[in-house]
Amino acid sequence: MDSDEIREREQERLLEGRELYSDDTGKPRLRRSVAAYLDALGTKEAVQTTTTQACNGR
């Protein structure tokens, strides 16, 4: 796949995403959405440990 094809596919993906939140005329439309944050890398625990160590002078 050459760079033009890659660019074209990325543009199509962007437009598909925009269509989810626009009406037939292209005006923005609010829709109910759900966002989820998954802490698969353990970032939350790492930040808490780092903060605790910094506060304790370690």
PDB file of N, CA and C in Angstrom:
ATOM      1  N   MET A   1       0.849  -1.171   0.000  1.00  0.00           N
ATOM      2  CA  MET A   1       0.000   0.000   0.000  1.00  0.00           C
ATOM      3  C   MET A   1       0.900   1.241   0.000  1.00  0.00           C
ATOM      4  N   ASP A   2       0.672   2.113  -0.957  1.00  0.00           N
ATOM      5  CA  ASP A   2       1.523   3.308  -1.033  1.00  0.00           C
ATOM      6  C   ASP A   2       0.976   4.430  -0.148  1.00  0.00           C
ATOM      7  N   SER A   3       1.732   5.504  -0.044  1.00  0.00           N
ATOM      8  CA  SER A   3       1.374   6.592   0.871  1.00  0.00           C
ATOM      9  C   SER A   3       0.070   7.280   0.476  1.00  0.00           C
ATOM     10  N   ASP A   4      -0.243   7.350  -0.805  1.00  0.00           N
ATOM     11  CA  ASP A   4      -1.509   7.962  -1.232  1.00  0.00           C
ATOM     12  C   ASP A   4      -2.703   7.132  -0.767  1.00  0.00           C
ATOM     13  N   GLU A   5      -2.583   5.821  -0.859  1.00  0.00           N
ATOM     14  CA  GLU A   5      -3.661   4.940  -0.402  1.00  0.00           C
ATOM     15  C   GLU A   5      -3.850   5.051   1.107  1.00  0.00           C
ATOM     16  N   ILE A   6      -2.751   5.122   1.820  1.00  0.00           N
ATOM     17  CA  ILE A   6      -2.820   5.262   3.274  1.00  0.00           C
ATOM     18  C   ILE A   6      -3.500   6.569   3.643  1.00  0.00           C
ATOM     19  N   ARG A   7      -3.099   7.659   2.995  1.00  0.00           N
ATOM     20  CA  ARG A   7      -3.695   8.971   3.244  1.00  0.00           C
ATOM     21  C   ARG A   7      -5.198   8.953   2.938  1.00  0.00           C
ATOM     22  N   GLU A   8      -5.578   8.311   1.846  1.00  0.00           N
ATOM     23  CA  GLU A   8      -6.983   8.226   1.452  1.00  0.00           C
ATOM     24  C   GLU A   8      -7.799   7.439   2.479  1.00  0.00           C
ATOM     25  N   ARG A   9      -7.256   6.337   2.963  1.00  0.00           N
ATOM     26  CA  ARG A   9      -7.954   5.540   3.981  1.00  0.00           C
ATOM     27  C   ARG A   9      -8.119   6.314   5.277  1.00  0.00           C
ATOM     28  N   GLU A  10      -7.088   7.041   5.677  1.00  0.00           N
ATOM     29  CA  GLU A  10      -7.171   7.846   6.891  1.00  0.00           C
ATOM     30  C   GLU A  10      -8.229   8.944   6.748  1.00  0.00           C
ATOM     31  N   GLN A  11      -8.282   9.574   5.576  1.00  0.00           N
ATOM     32  CA  GLN A  11      -9.282  10.613   5.327  1.00  0.00           C
ATOM     33  C   GLN A  11     -10.687  10.031   5.400  1.00  0.00           C
ATOM     34  N   GLU A  12     -10.891   8.852   4.836  1.00  0.00           N
ATOM     35  CA  GLU A  12     -12.192   8.180   4.889  1.00  0.00           C
ATOM     36  C   GLU A  12     -12.590   7.894   6.335  1.00  0.00           C
ATOM     37  N   ARG A  13     -11.647   7.436   7.139  1.00  0.00           N
ATOM     38  CA  ARG A  13     -11.934   7.148   8.549  1.00  0.00           C
ATOM     39  C   ARG A  13     -12.340   8.420   9.291  1.00  0.00           C
ATOM     40  N   LEU A  14     -11.650   9.531   9.018  1.00  0.00           N
ATOM     41  CA  LEU A  14     -12.005  10.794   9.655  1.00  0.00           C
ATOM     42  C   LEU A  14     -13.414  11.225   9.276  1.00  0.00           C
ATOM     43  N   LEU A  15     -13.739  11.110   8.003  1.00  0.00           N
ATOM     44  CA  LEU A  15     -15.070  11.515   7.551  1.00  0.00           C
ATOM     45  C   LEU A  15     -16.154  10.631   8.154  1.00  0.00           C
ATOM     46  N   GLU A  16     -15.895   9.334   8.270  1.00  0.00           N
ATOM     47  CA  GLU A  16     -16.866   8.436   8.896  1.00  0.00           C
ATOM     48  C   GLU A  16     -17.136   8.857  10.332  1.00  0.00           C
ATOM     49  N   GLY A  17     -16.103   9.214  11.044  1.00  0.00           N
ATOM     50  CA  GLY A  17     -16.262   9.644  12.428  1.00  0.00           C
ATOM     51  C   GLY A  17     -17.060  10.929  12.531  1.00  0.00           C
ATOM     52  N   ARG A  18     -16.832  11.841  11.613  1.00  0.00           N
ATOM     53  CA  ARG A  18     -17.563  13.106  11.621  1.00  0.00           C
ATOM     54  C   ARG A  18     -19.037  12.885  11.293  1.00  0.00           C
ATOM     55  N   GLU A  19     -19.314  11.928  10.416  1.00  0.00           N
ATOM     56  CA  GLU A  19     -20.700  11.659  10.038  1.00  0.00           C
ATOM     57  C   GLU A  19     -21.521  11.169  11.227  1.00  0.00           C
ATOM     58  N   LEU A  20     -20.876  10.553  12.180  1.00  0.00           N
ATOM     59  CA  LEU A  20     -21.598  10.076  13.362  1.00  0.00           C
ATOM     60  C   LEU A  20     -22.195  11.224  14.157  1.00  0.00           C
ATOM     61  N   TYR A  21     -21.579  12.392  14.058  1.00  0.00           N
ATOM     62  CA  TYR A  21     -22.007  13.541  14.857  1.00  0.00           C
ATOM     63  C   TYR A  21     -22.459  14.714  13.997  1.00  0.00           C
ATOM     64  N   SER A  22     -23.023  14.418  12.830  1.00  0.00           N
ATOM     65  CA  SER A  22     -23.584  15.477  11.996  1.00  0.00           C
ATOM     66  C   SER A  22     -24.867  14.972  11.347  1.00  0.00           C
ATOM     67  N   ASP A  23     -25.756  15.924  11.017  1.00  0.00           N
ATOM     68  CA  ASP A  23     -27.014  15.533  10.386  1.00  0.00           C
ATOM     69  C   ASP A  23     -26.828  15.449   8.874  1.00  0.00           C
ATOM     70  N   ASP A  24     -27.937  15.274   8.150  1.00  0.00           N
ATOM     71  CA  ASP A  24     -27.858  15.107   6.695  1.00  0.00           C
ATOM     72  C   ASP A  24     -27.307  16.328   5.970  1.00  0.00           C
ATOM     73  N   THR A  25     -27.422  17.502   6.579  1.00  0.00           N
ATOM     74  CA  THR A  25     -26.919  18.722   5.948  1.00  0.00           C
ATOM     75  C   THR A  25     -25.469  19.007   6.320  1.00  0.00           C
ATOM     76  N   GLY A  26     -24.896  18.211   7.221  1.00  0.00           N
ATOM     77  CA  GLY A  26     -23.518  18.404   7.633  1.00  0.00           C
ATOM     78  C   GLY A  26     -23.356  19.240   8.884  1.00  0.00           C
ATOM     79  N   LYS A  27     -24.485  19.710   9.448  1.00  0.00           N
ATOM     80  CA  LYS A  27     -24.413  20.500  10.679  1.00  0.00           C
ATOM     81  C   LYS A  27     -24.118  19.576  11.857  1.00  0.00           C
ATOM     82  N   PRO A  28     -23.348  20.053  12.822  1.00  0.00           N
ATOM     83  CA  PRO A  28     -23.050  19.232  13.997  1.00  0.00           C
ATOM     84  C   PRO A  28     -24.324  18.832  14.735  1.00  0.00           C
ATOM     85  N   ARG A  29     -24.336  17.619  15.230  1.00  0.00           N
ATOM     86  CA  ARG A  29     -25.488  17.089  15.961  1.00  0.00           C
ATOM     87  C   ARG A  29     -24.978  16.382  17.204  1.00  0.00           C
ATOM     88  N   LEU A  30     -25.514  16.763  18.343  1.00  0.00           N
ATOM     89  CA  LEU A  30     -25.118  16.108  19.589  1.00  0.00           C
ATOM     90  C   LEU A  30     -25.803  14.757  19.693  1.00  0.00           C
ATOM     91  N   ARG A  31     -25.063  13.776  20.068  1.00  0.00           N
ATOM     92  CA  ARG A  31     -25.596  12.429  20.294  1.00  0.00           C
ATOM     93  C   ARG A  31     -25.048  11.921  21.613  1.00  0.00           C
ATOM     94  N   ARG A  32     -25.779  11.021  22.200  1.00  0.00           N
ATOM     95  CA  ARG A  32     -25.270  10.398  23.418  1.00  0.00           C
ATOM     96  C   ARG A  32     -24.037   9.582  23.076  1.00  0.00           C
ATOM     97  N   SER A  33     -23.039   9.704  23.889  1.00  0.00           N
ATOM     98  CA  SER A  33     -21.793   8.988  23.667  1.00  0.00           C
ATOM     99  C   SER A  33     -21.299   8.408  24.984  1.00  0.00           C
ATOM    100  N   VAL A  34     -20.486   7.414  24.866  1.00  0.00           N
ATOM    101  CA  VAL A  34     -19.892   6.795  26.043  1.00  0.00           C
ATOM    102  C   VAL A  34     -18.387   6.744  25.837  1.00  0.00           C
ATOM    103  N   ALA A  35     -17.671   7.122  26.857  1.00  0.00           N
ATOM    104  CA  ALA A  35     -16.213   7.028  26.814  1.00  0.00           C
ATOM    105  C   ALA A  35     -15.767   6.183  27.996  1.00  0.00           C
ATOM    106  N   ALA A  36     -14.797   5.352  27.761  1.00  0.00           N
ATOM    107  CA  ALA A  36     -14.280   4.503  28.830  1.00  0.00           C
ATOM    108  C   ALA A  36     -12.759   4.637  28.877  1.00  0.00           C
ATOM    109  N   TYR A  37     -12.246   4.687  30.083  1.00  0.00           N
ATOM    110  CA  TYR A  37     -10.804   4.754  30.268  1.00  0.00           C
ATOM    111  C   TYR A  37     -10.357   3.414  30.848  1.00  0.00           C
ATOM    112  N   LEU A  38      -9.490   2.747  30.154  1.00  0.00           N
ATOM    113  CA  LEU A  38      -8.966   1.473  30.622  1.00  0.00           C
ATOM    114  C   LEU A  38      -7.516   1.667  31.032  1.00  0.00           C
ATOM    115  N   ASP A  39      -7.223   1.338  32.262  1.00  0.00           N
ATOM    116  CA  ASP A  39      -5.869   1.509  32.771  1.00  0.00           C
ATOM    117  C   ASP A  39      -5.114   0.189  32.637  1.00  0.00           C
ATOM    118  N   ALA A  40      -4.879  -0.212  31.407  1.00  0.00           N
ATOM    119  CA  ALA A  40      -4.244  -1.496  31.143  1.00  0.00           C
ATOM    120  C   ALA A  40      -2.771  -1.511  31.520  1.00  0.00           C
ATOM    121  N   LEU A  41      -2.145  -0.356  31.573  1.00  0.00           N
ATOM    122  CA  LEU A  41      -0.707  -0.304  31.859  1.00  0.00           C
ATOM    123  C   LEU A  41      -0.402  -0.027  33.326  1.00  0.00           C
ATOM    124  N   GLY A  42      -1.437   0.147  34.159  1.00  0.00           N
ATOM    125  CA  GLY A  42      -1.200   0.394  35.569  1.00  0.00           C
ATOM    126  C   GLY A  42      -0.750   1.805  35.873  1.00  0.00           C
ATOM    127  N   THR A  43      -1.114   2.752  35.038  1.00  0.00           N
ATOM    128  CA  THR A  43      -0.685   4.135  35.203  1.00  0.00           C
ATOM    129  C   THR A  43      -1.152   4.723  36.527  1.00  0.00           C
ATOM    130  N   LYS A  44      -2.384   4.427  36.908  1.00  0.00           N
ATOM    131  CA  LYS A  44      -2.940   4.992  38.137  1.00  0.00           C
ATOM    132  C   LYS A  44      -2.083   4.613  39.343  1.00  0.00           C
ATOM    133  N   GLU A  45      -1.730   3.334  39.458  1.00  0.00           N
ATOM    134  CA  GLU A  45      -0.920   2.888  40.582  1.00  0.00           C
ATOM    135  C   GLU A  45       0.482   3.485  40.532  1.00  0.00           C
ATOM    136  N   ALA A  46       1.043   3.582  39.336  1.00  0.00           N
ATOM    137  CA  ALA A  46       2.387   4.145  39.195  1.00  0.00           C
ATOM    138  C   ALA A  46       2.411   5.607  39.627  1.00  0.00           C
ATOM    139  N   VAL A  47       1.396   6.356  39.260  1.00  0.00           N
ATOM    140  CA  VAL A  47       1.340   7.774  39.630  1.00  0.00           C
ATOM    141  C   VAL A  47       1.170   7.913  41.136  1.00  0.00           C
ATOM    142  N   GLN A  48       0.321   7.108  41.740  1.00  0.00           N
ATOM    143  CA  GLN A  48       0.124   7.182  43.189  1.00  0.00           C
ATOM    144  C   GLN A  48       1.408   6.856  43.929  1.00  0.00           C
ATOM    145  N   THR A  49       2.135   5.854  43.477  1.00  0.00           N
ATOM    146  CA  THR A  49       3.390   5.471  44.109  1.00  0.00           C
ATOM    147  C   THR A  49       4.414   6.587  43.963  1.00  0.00           C
ATOM    148  N   THR A  50       4.528   7.134  42.779  1.00  0.00           N
ATOM    149  CA  THR A  50       5.480   8.221  42.534  1.00  0.00           C
ATOM    150  C   THR A  50       5.156   9.428  43.412  1.00  0.00           C
ATOM    151  N   THR A  51       3.881   9.779  43.492  1.00  0.00           N
ATOM    152  CA  THR A  51       3.460  10.929  44.303  1.00  0.00           C
ATOM    153  C   THR A  51       3.739  10.673  45.768  1.00  0.00           C
ATOM    154  N   THR A  52       3.449   9.478  46.252  1.00  0.00           N
ATOM    155  CA  THR A  52       3.690   9.142  47.647  1.00  0.00           C
ATOM    156  C   THR A  52       5.181   9.191  47.952  1.00  0.00           C
ATOM    157  N   GLN A  53       6.024   8.674  47.078  1.00  0.00           N
ATOM    158  CA  GLN A  53       7.469   8.694  47.285  1.00  0.00           C
ATOM    159  C   GLN A  53       7.986  10.131  47.321  1.00  0.00           C
ATOM    160  N   ALA A  54       7.470  10.975  46.439  1.00  0.00           N
ATOM    161  CA  ALA A  54       7.908  12.365  46.389  1.00  0.00           C
ATOM    162  C   ALA A  54       7.525  13.094  47.668  1.00  0.00           C
ATOM    163  N   CYS A  55       6.337  12.815  48.188  1.00  0.00           N
ATOM    164  CA  CYS A  55       5.877  13.475  49.416  1.00  0.00           C
ATOM    165  C   CYS A  55       6.648  12.998  50.646  1.00  0.00           C
ATOM    166  N   ASN A  56       7.124  11.767  50.600  1.00  0.00           N
ATOM    167  CA  ASN A  56       7.865  11.202  51.722  1.00  0.00           C
ATOM    168  C   ASN A  56       9.372  11.486  51.640  1.00  0.00           C
ATOM    169  N   GLY A  57       9.778  12.208  50.613  1.00  0.00           N
ATOM    170  CA  GLY A  57      11.181  12.572  50.477  1.00  0.00           C
ATOM    171  C   GLY A  57      12.071  11.444  49.974  1.00  0.00           C
ATOM    172  N   ARG A  58      11.530  10.478  49.297  1.00  0.00           N
ATOM    173  CA  ARG A  58      12.339   9.365  48.774  1.00  0.00           C
ATOM    174  C   ARG A  58      12.903   9.688  47.438  1.00  0.00           C
TER     175      ARG A  58
END
